[in-house]
Protein backbone atom coordinates (compact mmCIF):
# COMPACT_ATOMS: atom_id res chain seq x y z
CA UNK A 1 0.00 0.00 0.00
CA UNK A 2 1.39 3.40 -0.95
CA UNK A 3 1.28 6.00 1.78
CA UNK A 4 1.49 9.77 1.55
CA UNK A 5 5.19 10.66 1.23
CA UNK A 6 6.87 12.79 3.88
CA UNK A 7 9.02 15.60 2.53
CA UNK A 8 12.33 15.87 4.40
CA UNK A 9 15.56 17.77 3.83
CA UNK A 10 19.17 16.67 4.23
CA UNK A 11 20.89 19.07 6.62
CA UNK A 12 24.33 20.64 6.19
CA UNK A 13 25.95 17.78 8.13
CA UNK A 14 24.14 15.03 6.20
CA UNK A 15 21.51 14.43 8.87
CA UNK A 16 17.79 13.91 8.31
CA UNK A 17 14.87 13.92 10.73
CA UNK A 18 12.05 11.48 10.08
CA UNK A 19 8.53 12.43 11.12
CA UNK A 20 7.14 10.42 14.05
CA UNK A 21 4.12 9.44 11.92
CA UNK A 22 6.44 7.83 9.36
CA UNK A 23 8.30 5.96 12.10
CA UNK A 24 5.01 4.76 13.59
CA UNK A 25 3.80 3.47 10.19
CA UNK A 26 7.03 1.49 9.88
CA UNK A 27 6.73 0.12 13.42
CA UNK A 28 9.78 2.07 14.60
CA UNK A 29 10.30 4.38 17.54
CA UNK A 30 12.93 6.98 18.42
CA UNK A 31 16.12 5.25 19.52
CA UNK A 32 15.64 2.21 17.28
CA UNK A 33 18.87 0.84 15.81
CA UNK A 34 18.80 0.82 12.02
CA UNK A 35 21.08 -0.19 9.19
CA UNK A 36 21.13 2.05 6.13
CA UNK A 37 22.28 1.12 2.66
CA UNK A 38 22.01 2.53 -0.84
CA UNK A 39 19.61 0.77 -3.19
CA UNK A 40 20.84 2.86 -6.12
CA UNK A 41 18.95 5.38 -8.22
CA UNK A 42 18.55 7.87 -5.35
CA UNK A 43 17.11 5.37 -2.86
CA UNK A 44 18.30 4.72 0.67
CA UNK A 45 16.86 1.75 2.55
CA UNK A 46 16.58 1.67 6.34
CA UNK A 47 16.17 -1.68 8.13
CA UNK A 48 15.90 -2.59 11.79
CA UNK A 49 19.34 -3.92 12.71
CA UNK A 50 17.82 -6.98 14.41
CA UNK A 51 15.76 -7.84 11.30
CA UNK A 52 18.77 -7.54 8.99
CA UNK A 53 20.92 -9.76 11.24
CA UNK A 54 18.11 -12.33 11.55
CA UNK A 55 17.76 -12.43 7.74
CA UNK A 56 21.51 -12.93 7.33
CA UNK A 57 21.51 -15.78 9.87
CA UNK A 58 18.48 -17.40 8.23
CA UNK A 59 20.16 -17.27 4.82
CA UNK A 60 23.40 -18.71 6.22
CA UNK A 61 25.54 -15.74 5.25
CA UNK A 62 26.94 -15.18 8.75
PDB file of N, CA and C in Angstrom:
ATOM      1  N   UNK A   1       0.846  -1.174   0.000  1.00  0.00           N
ATOM      2  CA  UNK A   1       0.000   0.000   0.000  1.00  0.00           C
ATOM      3  C   UNK A   1       0.896   1.244   0.000  1.00  0.00           C
ATOM      4  N   UNK A   2       0.619   2.162  -0.895  1.00  0.00           N
ATOM      5  CA  UNK A   2       1.385   3.404  -0.953  1.00  0.00           C
ATOM      6  C   UNK A   2       0.809   4.399   0.043  1.00  0.00           C
ATOM      7  N   UNK A   3       1.687   4.994   0.806  1.00  0.00           N
ATOM      8  CA  UNK A   3       1.278   5.999   1.781  1.00  0.00           C
ATOM      9  C   UNK A   3       1.659   7.379   1.264  1.00  0.00           C
ATOM     10  N   UNK A   4       1.140   8.388   1.904  1.00  0.00           N
ATOM     11  CA  UNK A   4       1.492   9.767   1.555  1.00  0.00           C
ATOM     12  C   UNK A   4       2.963   9.992   1.890  1.00  0.00           C
ATOM     13  N   UNK A   5       3.777  10.449   0.941  1.00  0.00           N
ATOM     14  CA  UNK A   5       5.190  10.663   1.234  1.00  0.00           C
ATOM     15  C   UNK A   5       5.406  11.823   2.201  1.00  0.00           C
ATOM     16  N   UNK A   6       6.462  11.717   2.978  1.00  0.00           N
ATOM     17  CA  UNK A   6       6.866  12.794   3.884  1.00  0.00           C
ATOM     18  C   UNK A   6       8.032  13.523   3.235  1.00  0.00           C
ATOM     19  N   UNK A   7       7.943  14.816   3.128  1.00  0.00           N
ATOM     20  CA  UNK A   7       9.021  15.598   2.534  1.00  0.00           C
ATOM     21  C   UNK A   7      10.019  15.951   3.623  1.00  0.00           C
ATOM     22  N   UNK A   8      11.268  15.572   3.430  1.00  0.00           N
ATOM     23  CA  UNK A   8      12.327  15.867   4.398  1.00  0.00           C
ATOM     24  C   UNK A   8      13.504  16.493   3.662  1.00  0.00           C
ATOM     25  N   UNK A   9      14.393  17.099   4.418  1.00  0.00           N
ATOM     26  CA  UNK A   9      15.557  17.772   3.833  1.00  0.00           C
ATOM     27  C   UNK A   9      16.820  17.226   4.500  1.00  0.00           C
ATOM     28  N   UNK A  10      17.867  17.069   3.706  1.00  0.00           N
ATOM     29  CA  UNK A  10      19.165  16.673   4.233  1.00  0.00           C
ATOM     30  C   UNK A  10      19.854  17.929   4.738  1.00  0.00           C
ATOM     31  N   UNK A  11      20.253  17.915   6.015  1.00  0.00           N
ATOM     32  CA  UNK A  11      20.894  19.071   6.625  1.00  0.00           C
ATOM     33  C   UNK A  11      22.344  19.236   6.172  1.00  0.00           C
ATOM     34  N   UNK A  12      22.951  20.320   6.585  1.00  0.00           N
ATOM     35  CA  UNK A  12      24.329  20.641   6.194  1.00  0.00           C
ATOM     36  C   UNK A  12      25.336  19.567   6.600  1.00  0.00           C
ATOM     37  N   UNK A  13      25.032  18.816   7.652  1.00  0.00           N
ATOM     38  CA  UNK A  13      25.947  17.779   8.133  1.00  0.00           C
ATOM     39  C   UNK A  13      25.495  16.382   7.711  1.00  0.00           C
ATOM     40  N   UNK A  14      24.584  16.307   6.727  1.00  0.00           N
ATOM     41  CA  UNK A  14      24.136  15.028   6.197  1.00  0.00           C
ATOM     42  C   UNK A  14      23.090  14.329   7.054  1.00  0.00           C
ATOM     43  N   UNK A  15      22.498  15.042   7.991  1.00  0.00           N
ATOM     44  CA  UNK A  15      21.508  14.432   8.869  1.00  0.00           C
ATOM     45  C   UNK A  15      20.097  14.695   8.354  1.00  0.00           C
ATOM     46  N   UNK A  16      19.205  13.744   8.630  1.00  0.00           N
ATOM     47  CA  UNK A  16      17.788  13.913   8.314  1.00  0.00           C
ATOM     48  C   UNK A  16      16.965  13.592   9.557  1.00  0.00           C
ATOM     49  N   UNK A  17      15.821  14.223   9.667  1.00  0.00           N
ATOM     50  CA  UNK A  17      14.871  13.920  10.734  1.00  0.00           C
ATOM     51  C   UNK A  17      13.648  13.301  10.090  1.00  0.00           C
ATOM     52  N   UNK A  18      13.227  12.161  10.605  1.00  0.00           N
ATOM     53  CA  UNK A  18      12.053  11.479  10.077  1.00  0.00           C
ATOM     54  C   UNK A  18      10.846  11.809  10.947  1.00  0.00           C
ATOM     55  N   UNK A  19       9.722  12.128  10.337  1.00  0.00           N
ATOM     56  CA  UNK A  19       8.526  12.432  11.120  1.00  0.00           C
ATOM     57  C   UNK A  19       8.090  11.230  11.959  1.00  0.00           C
ATOM     58  N   UNK A  20       7.590  11.494  13.166  1.00  0.00           N
ATOM     59  CA  UNK A  20       7.137  10.419  14.052  1.00  0.00           C
ATOM     60  C   UNK A  20       6.046   9.585  13.389  1.00  0.00           C
ATOM     61  N   UNK A  21       5.187  10.206  12.589  1.00  0.00           N
ATOM     62  CA  UNK A  21       4.120   9.443  11.925  1.00  0.00           C
ATOM     63  C   UNK A  21       4.695   8.412  10.954  1.00  0.00           C
ATOM     64  N   UNK A  22       5.783   8.760  10.281  1.00  0.00           N
ATOM     65  CA  UNK A  22       6.439   7.833   9.362  1.00  0.00           C
ATOM     66  C   UNK A  22       7.071   6.678  10.137  1.00  0.00           C
ATOM     67  N   UNK A  23       7.720   7.009  11.248  1.00  0.00           N
ATOM     68  CA  UNK A  23       8.303   5.960  12.096  1.00  0.00           C
ATOM     69  C   UNK A  23       7.219   5.017  12.608  1.00  0.00           C
ATOM     70  N   UNK A  24       6.100   5.576  13.057  1.00  0.00           N
ATOM     71  CA  UNK A  24       5.006   4.758  13.588  1.00  0.00           C
ATOM     72  C   UNK A  24       4.455   3.821  12.515  1.00  0.00           C
ATOM     73  N   UNK A  25       4.279   4.321  11.289  1.00  0.00           N
ATOM     74  CA  UNK A  25       3.799   3.473  10.190  1.00  0.00           C
ATOM     75  C   UNK A  25       4.733   2.304   9.934  1.00  0.00           C
ATOM     76  N   UNK A  26       6.031   2.531  10.123  1.00  0.00           N
ATOM     77  CA  UNK A  26       7.033   1.489   9.882  1.00  0.00           C
ATOM     78  C   UNK A  26       7.248   0.603  11.108  1.00  0.00           C
ATOM     79  N   UNK A  27       6.558   0.910  12.205  1.00  0.00           N
ATOM     80  CA  UNK A  27       6.726   0.118  13.420  1.00  0.00           C
ATOM     81  C   UNK A  27       8.020   0.429  14.146  1.00  0.00           C
ATOM     82  N   UNK A  28       8.526   1.643  13.973  1.00  0.00           N
ATOM     83  CA  UNK A  28       9.779   2.069  14.602  1.00  0.00           C
ATOM     84  C   UNK A  28       9.494   3.147  15.633  1.00  0.00           C
ATOM     85  N   UNK A  29      10.425   3.317  16.557  1.00  0.00           N
ATOM     86  CA  UNK A  29      10.300   4.384  17.545  1.00  0.00           C
ATOM     87  C   UNK A  29      11.648   5.074  17.693  1.00  0.00           C
ATOM     88  N   UNK A  30      11.659   6.296  18.218  1.00  0.00           N
ATOM     89  CA  UNK A  30      12.930   6.985  18.423  1.00  0.00           C
ATOM     90  C   UNK A  30      13.873   6.110  19.249  1.00  0.00           C
ATOM     91  N   UNK A  31      15.124   6.066  18.842  1.00  0.00           N
ATOM     92  CA  UNK A  31      16.123   5.254  19.523  1.00  0.00           C
ATOM     93  C   UNK A  31      16.329   3.883  18.907  1.00  0.00           C
ATOM     94  N   UNK A  32      15.493   3.514  17.937  1.00  0.00           N
ATOM     95  CA  UNK A  32      15.643   2.209  17.277  1.00  0.00           C
ATOM     96  C   UNK A  32      16.974   2.172  16.532  1.00  0.00           C
ATOM     97  N   UNK A  33      17.616   1.014  16.543  1.00  0.00           N
ATOM     98  CA  UNK A  33      18.871   0.843  15.814  1.00  0.00           C
ATOM     99  C   UNK A  33      18.561   0.370  14.405  1.00  0.00           C
ATOM    100  N   UNK A  34      19.064   1.109  13.423  1.00  0.00           N
ATOM    101  CA  UNK A  34      18.799   0.815  12.023  1.00  0.00           C
ATOM    102  C   UNK A  34      20.091   0.626  11.257  1.00  0.00           C
ATOM    103  N   UNK A  35      20.001  -0.112  10.166  1.00  0.00           N
ATOM    104  CA  UNK A  35      21.082  -0.190   9.191  1.00  0.00           C
ATOM    105  C   UNK A  35      20.600   0.552   7.959  1.00  0.00           C
ATOM    106  N   UNK A  36      21.475   1.303   7.332  1.00  0.00           N
ATOM    107  CA  UNK A  36      21.134   2.052   6.127  1.00  0.00           C
ATOM    108  C   UNK A  36      22.051   1.610   4.999  1.00  0.00           C
ATOM    109  N   UNK A  37      21.457   1.431   3.816  1.00  0.00           N
ATOM    110  CA  UNK A  37      22.282   1.120   2.657  1.00  0.00           C
ATOM    111  C   UNK A  37      21.643   1.718   1.418  1.00  0.00           C
ATOM    112  N   UNK A  38      22.474   1.969   0.411  1.00  0.00           N
ATOM    113  CA  UNK A  38      22.006   2.535  -0.837  1.00  0.00           C
ATOM    114  C   UNK A  38      21.410   1.428  -1.689  1.00  0.00           C
ATOM    115  N   UNK A  39      20.257   1.699  -2.267  1.00  0.00           N
ATOM    116  CA  UNK A  39      19.613   0.768  -3.190  1.00  0.00           C
ATOM    117  C   UNK A  39      19.730   1.297  -4.617  1.00  0.00           C
ATOM    118  N   UNK A  40      20.619   2.274  -4.800  1.00  0.00           N
ATOM    119  CA  UNK A  40      20.842   2.857  -6.121  1.00  0.00           C
ATOM    120  C   UNK A  40      19.721   3.791  -6.537  1.00  0.00           C
ATOM    121  N   UNK A  41      19.948   4.515  -7.609  1.00  0.00           N
ATOM    122  CA  UNK A  41      18.950   5.385  -8.219  1.00  0.00           C
ATOM    123  C   UNK A  41      18.285   6.329  -7.221  1.00  0.00           C
ATOM    124  N   UNK A  42      19.074   6.888  -6.287  1.00  0.00           N
ATOM    125  CA  UNK A  42      18.549   7.873  -5.352  1.00  0.00           C
ATOM    126  C   UNK A  42      17.779   7.303  -4.180  1.00  0.00           C
ATOM    127  N   UNK A  43      17.848   5.987  -3.960  1.00  0.00           N
ATOM    128  CA  UNK A  43      17.112   5.367  -2.857  1.00  0.00           C
ATOM    129  C   UNK A  43      18.043   4.945  -1.741  1.00  0.00           C
ATOM    130  N   UNK A  44      17.612   5.192  -0.526  1.00  0.00           N
ATOM    131  CA  UNK A  44      18.304   4.719   0.674  1.00  0.00           C
ATOM    132  C   UNK A  44      17.310   3.872   1.445  1.00  0.00           C
ATOM    133  N   UNK A  45      17.728   2.675   1.827  1.00  0.00           N
ATOM    134  CA  UNK A  45      16.865   1.747   2.550  1.00  0.00           C
ATOM    135  C   UNK A  45      17.298   1.717   4.003  1.00  0.00           C
ATOM    136  N   UNK A  46      16.332   1.802   4.909  1.00  0.00           N
ATOM    137  CA  UNK A  46      16.583   1.670   6.343  1.00  0.00           C
ATOM    138  C   UNK A  46      15.946   0.368   6.805  1.00  0.00           C
ATOM    139  N   UNK A  47      16.699  -0.430   7.575  1.00  0.00           N
ATOM    140  CA  UNK A  47      16.172  -1.681   8.127  1.00  0.00           C
ATOM    141  C   UNK A  47      16.491  -1.738   9.601  1.00  0.00           C
ATOM    142  N   UNK A  48      15.579  -2.326  10.387  1.00  0.00           N
ATOM    143  CA  UNK A  48      15.902  -2.594  11.786  1.00  0.00           C
ATOM    144  C   UNK A  48      17.126  -3.477  11.805  1.00  0.00           C
ATOM    145  N   UNK A  49      18.096  -3.138  12.632  1.00  0.00           N
ATOM    146  CA  UNK A  49      19.341  -3.916  12.708  1.00  0.00           C
ATOM    147  C   UNK A  49      19.036  -5.373  13.051  1.00  0.00           C
ATOM    148  N   UNK A  50      18.127  -5.604  14.000  1.00  0.00           N
ATOM    149  CA  UNK A  50      17.817  -6.979  14.414  1.00  0.00           C
ATOM    150  C   UNK A  50      17.190  -7.781  13.281  1.00  0.00           C
ATOM    151  N   UNK A  51      16.367  -7.142  12.442  1.00  0.00           N
ATOM    152  CA  UNK A  51      15.762  -7.841  11.304  1.00  0.00           C
ATOM    153  C   UNK A  51      16.816  -8.205  10.264  1.00  0.00           C
ATOM    154  N   UNK A  52      17.720  -7.283   9.986  1.00  0.00           N
ATOM    155  CA  UNK A  52      18.767  -7.537   8.994  1.00  0.00           C
ATOM    156  C   UNK A  52      19.671  -8.675   9.442  1.00  0.00           C
ATOM    157  N   UNK A  53      20.051  -8.689  10.721  1.00  0.00           N
ATOM    158  CA  UNK A  53      20.916  -9.758  11.238  1.00  0.00           C
ATOM    159  C   UNK A  53      20.174 -11.093  11.192  1.00  0.00           C
ATOM    160  N   UNK A  54      18.902 -11.092  11.582  1.00  0.00           N
ATOM    161  CA  UNK A  54      18.115 -12.329  11.554  1.00  0.00           C
ATOM    162  C   UNK A  54      18.017 -12.867  10.124  1.00  0.00           C
ATOM    163  N   UNK A  55      17.811 -11.986   9.133  1.00  0.00           N
ATOM    164  CA  UNK A  55      17.756 -12.431   7.741  1.00  0.00           C
ATOM    165  C   UNK A  55      19.080 -13.023   7.290  1.00  0.00           C
ATOM    166  N   UNK A  56      20.187 -12.401   7.697  1.00  0.00           N
ATOM    167  CA  UNK A  56      21.506 -12.930   7.333  1.00  0.00           C
ATOM    168  C   UNK A  56      21.731 -14.311   7.948  1.00  0.00           C
ATOM    169  N   UNK A  57      21.347 -14.471   9.209  1.00  0.00           N
ATOM    170  CA  UNK A  57      21.506 -15.776   9.869  1.00  0.00           C
ATOM    171  C   UNK A  57      20.627 -16.841   9.210  1.00  0.00           C
ATOM    172  N   UNK A  58      19.413 -16.465   8.867  1.00  0.00           N
ATOM    173  CA  UNK A  58      18.477 -17.398   8.232  1.00  0.00           C
ATOM    174  C   UNK A  58      19.001 -17.846   6.882  1.00  0.00           C
ATOM    175  N   UNK A  59      19.649 -16.945   6.153  1.00  0.00           N
ATOM    176  CA  UNK A  59      20.158 -17.273   4.823  1.00  0.00           C
ATOM    177  C   UNK A  59      21.543 -17.912   4.864  1.00  0.00           C
ATOM    178  N   UNK A  60      22.104 -18.068   6.072  1.00  0.00           N
ATOM    179  CA  UNK A  60      23.405 -18.710   6.219  1.00  0.00           C
ATOM    180  C   UNK A  60      24.579 -17.897   5.749  1.00  0.00           C
ATOM    181  N   UNK A  61      24.434 -16.576   5.718  1.00  0.00           N
ATOM    182  CA  UNK A  61      25.538 -15.739   5.255  1.00  0.00           C
ATOM    183  C   UNK A  61      26.466 -15.322   6.373  1.00  0.00           C
ATOM    184  N   UNK A  62      26.064 -15.516   7.622  1.00  0.00           N
ATOM    185  CA  UNK A  62      26.936 -15.176   8.746  1.00  0.00           C
ATOM    186  C   UNK A  62      27.507 -16.412   9.358  1.00  0.00           C
TER     187      UNK A  62
END
